[in-house]
């Protein structure tokens, strides 16, 4: 069975009355190449920034290599390498 490196469950991000991320869920398995596609304003960058611990979520659950974003944000931050020119996250 593949190892789930990123798990996102019912992720929501609100800015006042505007809902930027609307309850999305997905898994990324170790070794997979994964992309978020959608129009401008769909919440792609916000979702990545939440996973990267750069932005607070409104609700939902995010696990990175088994670490819970709510409890282990500093450890998650230490384990990620981010390439902003290509918007790539690598777990190191």
N, C-alpha and C. Protein backbone atom coordinates (compact mmCIF):
# COMPACT_ATOMS: atom_id res chain seq x y z
N UNK A 1 0.85 -1.18 0.00
CA UNK A 1 0.00 0.00 0.00
C UNK A 1 0.89 1.25 0.00
N UNK A 2 0.60 2.22 -0.86
CA UNK A 2 1.43 3.43 -0.93
C UNK A 2 1.37 4.25 0.35
N UNK A 3 2.49 4.91 0.65
CA UNK A 3 2.58 5.78 1.82
C UNK A 3 2.00 7.15 1.46
N UNK A 4 1.01 7.62 2.22
CA UNK A 4 0.41 8.93 1.98
C UNK A 4 1.31 10.00 2.60
N UNK A 5 1.90 10.82 1.75
CA UNK A 5 2.82 11.85 2.21
C UNK A 5 2.10 13.15 2.57
N UNK A 6 0.98 13.43 1.87
CA UNK A 6 0.13 14.58 2.19
C UNK A 6 -1.31 14.11 2.20
N UNK A 7 -2.03 14.44 3.26
CA UNK A 7 -3.45 14.14 3.36
C UNK A 7 -4.18 15.43 3.73
N UNK A 8 -5.16 15.79 2.92
CA UNK A 8 -5.96 16.97 3.15
C UNK A 8 -7.41 16.52 3.21
N UNK A 9 -8.09 16.88 4.29
CA UNK A 9 -9.48 16.44 4.48
C UNK A 9 -10.37 17.64 4.81
N UNK A 10 -11.35 17.89 3.95
CA UNK A 10 -12.35 18.93 4.17
C UNK A 10 -11.74 20.29 4.51
N UNK A 11 -10.70 20.67 3.77
CA UNK A 11 -9.99 21.92 4.03
C UNK A 11 -10.83 23.12 3.60
N UNK A 12 -10.96 24.08 4.52
CA UNK A 12 -11.72 25.31 4.28
C UNK A 12 -10.86 26.49 4.70
N UNK A 13 -10.88 27.54 3.87
CA UNK A 13 -10.25 28.81 4.23
C UNK A 13 -11.21 29.93 3.87
N UNK A 14 -11.62 30.68 4.88
CA UNK A 14 -12.51 31.83 4.70
C UNK A 14 -11.74 33.11 4.95
N UNK A 15 -12.06 34.12 4.15
CA UNK A 15 -11.62 35.49 4.38
C UNK A 15 -12.90 36.30 4.56
N UNK A 16 -13.29 36.51 5.79
CA UNK A 16 -14.57 37.16 6.04
C UNK A 16 -15.69 36.28 5.50
N UNK A 17 -16.51 36.84 4.63
CA UNK A 17 -17.62 36.08 4.02
C UNK A 17 -17.20 35.33 2.76
N UNK A 18 -15.96 35.55 2.28
CA UNK A 18 -15.49 34.89 1.06
C UNK A 18 -14.82 33.57 1.41
N UNK A 19 -15.25 32.50 0.77
CA UNK A 19 -14.66 31.18 1.00
C UNK A 19 -13.69 30.87 -0.13
N UNK A 20 -12.38 30.99 0.16
CA UNK A 20 -11.34 30.79 -0.85
C UNK A 20 -11.09 29.31 -1.12
N UNK A 21 -11.18 28.48 -0.09
CA UNK A 21 -11.01 27.03 -0.23
C UNK A 21 -12.28 26.40 0.34
N UNK A 22 -12.92 25.56 -0.45
CA UNK A 22 -14.29 25.13 -0.15
C UNK A 22 -14.41 23.65 0.19
N UNK A 23 -13.71 23.22 1.22
CA UNK A 23 -13.89 21.86 1.70
C UNK A 23 -13.26 20.79 0.83
N UNK A 24 -12.05 21.06 0.32
CA UNK A 24 -11.41 20.08 -0.57
C UNK A 24 -10.72 18.98 0.23
N UNK A 25 -10.63 17.82 -0.39
CA UNK A 25 -9.95 16.66 0.19
C UNK A 25 -9.13 15.99 -0.90
N UNK A 26 -7.90 15.58 -0.56
CA UNK A 26 -7.08 14.82 -1.49
C UNK A 26 -5.92 14.20 -0.73
N UNK A 27 -5.32 13.18 -1.32
CA UNK A 27 -4.12 12.53 -0.80
C UNK A 27 -3.04 12.58 -1.87
N UNK A 28 -1.80 12.69 -1.44
CA UNK A 28 -0.65 12.57 -2.33
C UNK A 28 0.22 11.46 -1.78
N UNK A 29 0.46 10.44 -2.60
CA UNK A 29 1.28 9.31 -2.19
C UNK A 29 2.75 9.60 -2.46
N UNK A 30 3.60 9.00 -1.65
CA UNK A 30 5.04 9.16 -1.81
C UNK A 30 5.44 8.81 -3.24
N UNK A 31 6.24 9.66 -3.86
CA UNK A 31 6.73 9.43 -5.21
C UNK A 31 5.82 9.97 -6.31
N UNK A 32 4.61 10.37 -5.96
CA UNK A 32 3.68 10.91 -6.95
C UNK A 32 4.04 12.35 -7.31
N UNK A 33 3.72 12.72 -8.53
CA UNK A 33 3.74 14.11 -8.94
C UNK A 33 2.28 14.55 -8.94
N UNK A 34 1.99 15.61 -8.21
CA UNK A 34 0.62 16.03 -7.99
C UNK A 34 0.49 17.50 -8.34
N UNK A 35 -0.57 17.88 -9.00
CA UNK A 35 -0.79 19.27 -9.34
C UNK A 35 -2.20 19.71 -8.99
N UNK A 36 -2.34 20.99 -8.68
CA UNK A 36 -3.65 21.59 -8.46
C UNK A 36 -3.96 22.46 -9.66
N UNK A 37 -5.07 22.19 -10.31
CA UNK A 37 -5.48 22.94 -11.49
C UNK A 37 -6.78 23.66 -11.21
N UNK A 38 -6.92 24.85 -11.74
CA UNK A 38 -8.17 25.59 -11.59
C UNK A 38 -7.98 27.03 -12.02
N UNK A 39 -9.07 27.74 -12.18
CA UNK A 39 -8.99 29.14 -12.61
C UNK A 39 -8.42 30.04 -11.51
N UNK A 40 -8.09 31.26 -11.88
CA UNK A 40 -7.65 32.24 -10.89
C UNK A 40 -8.71 32.37 -9.81
N UNK A 41 -8.26 32.42 -8.55
CA UNK A 41 -9.19 32.58 -7.45
C UNK A 41 -9.81 31.28 -6.94
N UNK A 42 -9.35 30.14 -7.47
CA UNK A 42 -9.92 28.86 -7.07
C UNK A 42 -9.39 28.34 -5.74
N UNK A 43 -8.33 28.95 -5.21
CA UNK A 43 -7.79 28.53 -3.92
C UNK A 43 -6.55 27.66 -4.00
N UNK A 44 -5.94 27.55 -5.18
CA UNK A 44 -4.75 26.70 -5.34
C UNK A 44 -3.59 27.19 -4.49
N UNK A 45 -3.24 28.45 -4.63
CA UNK A 45 -2.12 29.00 -3.87
C UNK A 45 -2.41 29.00 -2.38
N UNK A 46 -3.62 29.32 -2.01
CA UNK A 46 -4.01 29.31 -0.60
C UNK A 46 -3.86 27.92 -0.02
N UNK A 47 -4.29 26.90 -0.76
CA UNK A 47 -4.17 25.51 -0.30
C UNK A 47 -2.70 25.16 -0.07
N UNK A 48 -1.83 25.49 -1.02
CA UNK A 48 -0.40 25.19 -0.86
C UNK A 48 0.19 25.96 0.31
N UNK A 49 -0.20 27.20 0.48
CA UNK A 49 0.33 28.00 1.59
C UNK A 49 -0.11 27.44 2.94
N UNK A 50 -1.31 26.87 3.00
CA UNK A 50 -1.75 26.22 4.25
C UNK A 50 -0.89 24.98 4.51
N UNK A 51 -0.69 24.14 3.49
CA UNK A 51 0.14 22.94 3.65
C UNK A 51 1.55 23.33 4.07
N UNK A 52 2.06 24.42 3.53
CA UNK A 52 3.42 24.89 3.84
C UNK A 52 3.51 25.59 5.19
N UNK A 53 2.42 25.71 5.92
CA UNK A 53 2.31 26.37 7.22
C UNK A 53 2.46 27.88 7.13
N UNK A 54 2.26 28.46 5.95
CA UNK A 54 2.40 29.90 5.77
C UNK A 54 1.09 30.65 5.99
N UNK A 55 -0.03 29.92 6.02
CA UNK A 55 -1.33 30.55 6.16
C UNK A 55 -2.20 29.68 7.07
N UNK A 56 -3.00 30.31 7.91
CA UNK A 56 -3.91 29.58 8.80
C UNK A 56 -5.10 29.05 8.02
N UNK A 57 -5.58 27.88 8.38
CA UNK A 57 -6.80 27.34 7.78
C UNK A 57 -7.98 27.72 8.67
N UNK A 58 -9.18 27.70 8.08
CA UNK A 58 -10.39 27.93 8.87
C UNK A 58 -10.83 26.63 9.52
N UNK A 59 -10.83 25.54 8.75
CA UNK A 59 -11.18 24.23 9.29
C UNK A 59 -10.64 23.14 8.37
N UNK A 60 -10.78 21.91 8.82
CA UNK A 60 -10.27 20.77 8.07
C UNK A 60 -9.03 20.20 8.71
N UNK A 61 -8.50 19.18 8.07
CA UNK A 61 -7.32 18.48 8.60
C UNK A 61 -6.26 18.37 7.52
N UNK A 62 -5.01 18.64 7.91
CA UNK A 62 -3.87 18.50 7.01
C UNK A 62 -2.81 17.68 7.72
N UNK A 63 -2.38 16.59 7.08
CA UNK A 63 -1.28 15.78 7.58
C UNK A 63 -0.17 15.78 6.54
N UNK A 64 1.06 15.98 6.98
CA UNK A 64 2.23 15.92 6.11
C UNK A 64 3.17 14.88 6.68
N UNK A 65 3.34 13.79 5.96
CA UNK A 65 4.15 12.65 6.41
C UNK A 65 3.74 12.21 7.81
N UNK A 66 2.43 12.19 8.05
CA UNK A 66 1.88 11.74 9.33
C UNK A 66 1.84 12.81 10.41
N UNK A 67 2.43 13.98 10.14
CA UNK A 67 2.44 15.06 11.13
C UNK A 67 1.21 15.93 10.93
N UNK A 68 0.52 16.22 12.02
CA UNK A 68 -0.71 17.01 11.98
C UNK A 68 -0.36 18.50 11.99
N UNK A 69 -0.90 19.24 11.02
CA UNK A 69 -0.62 20.67 10.90
C UNK A 69 -0.96 21.43 12.18
N UNK A 70 -2.02 21.04 12.86
CA UNK A 70 -2.43 21.74 14.08
C UNK A 70 -1.46 21.52 15.24
N UNK A 71 -0.81 20.38 15.27
CA UNK A 71 0.06 20.04 16.40
C UNK A 71 1.55 20.12 16.08
N UNK A 72 1.90 19.92 14.80
CA UNK A 72 3.31 19.76 14.43
C UNK A 72 3.76 20.75 13.36
N UNK A 73 3.22 21.96 13.37
CA UNK A 73 3.53 22.93 12.31
C UNK A 73 5.03 23.20 12.19
N UNK A 74 5.72 23.33 13.30
CA UNK A 74 7.17 23.60 13.23
C UNK A 74 7.93 22.44 12.63
N UNK A 75 7.55 21.22 12.96
CA UNK A 75 8.22 20.05 12.37
C UNK A 75 7.91 19.93 10.88
N UNK A 76 6.69 20.24 10.50
CA UNK A 76 6.33 20.23 9.08
C UNK A 76 7.18 21.27 8.34
N UNK A 77 7.28 22.45 8.90
CA UNK A 77 8.06 23.53 8.29
C UNK A 77 9.50 23.09 8.06
N UNK A 78 10.09 22.40 9.03
CA UNK A 78 11.47 21.94 8.92
C UNK A 78 11.63 20.87 7.84
N UNK A 79 10.55 20.11 7.57
CA UNK A 79 10.66 18.97 6.66
C UNK A 79 10.36 19.33 5.20
N UNK A 80 9.94 20.57 4.95
CA UNK A 80 9.58 20.96 3.59
C UNK A 80 10.65 21.82 2.95
N UNK A 81 10.83 21.61 1.66
CA UNK A 81 11.68 22.46 0.85
C UNK A 81 10.78 23.04 -0.23
N UNK A 82 10.82 24.33 -0.41
CA UNK A 82 9.87 24.99 -1.31
C UNK A 82 10.62 25.73 -2.40
N UNK A 83 10.21 25.51 -3.66
CA UNK A 83 10.79 26.19 -4.80
C UNK A 83 9.73 27.13 -5.36
N UNK A 84 9.83 28.42 -5.02
CA UNK A 84 8.76 29.36 -5.39
C UNK A 84 8.72 29.66 -6.88
N UNK A 85 9.82 29.51 -7.60
CA UNK A 85 9.80 29.81 -9.03
C UNK A 85 8.95 28.80 -9.80
N UNK A 86 8.84 27.58 -9.29
CA UNK A 86 8.03 26.55 -9.94
C UNK A 86 6.87 26.09 -9.07
N UNK A 87 6.73 26.68 -7.89
CA UNK A 87 5.66 26.33 -6.94
C UNK A 87 5.69 24.83 -6.65
N UNK A 88 6.86 24.34 -6.23
CA UNK A 88 7.08 22.92 -5.95
C UNK A 88 7.39 22.76 -4.47
N UNK A 89 6.75 21.80 -3.84
CA UNK A 89 7.03 21.44 -2.45
C UNK A 89 7.71 20.08 -2.45
N UNK A 90 8.84 19.97 -1.76
CA UNK A 90 9.55 18.70 -1.64
C UNK A 90 9.69 18.38 -0.17
N UNK A 91 9.38 17.15 0.20
CA UNK A 91 9.59 16.70 1.57
C UNK A 91 11.02 16.19 1.67
N UNK A 92 11.78 16.74 2.59
CA UNK A 92 13.20 16.35 2.72
C UNK A 92 13.42 15.53 3.98
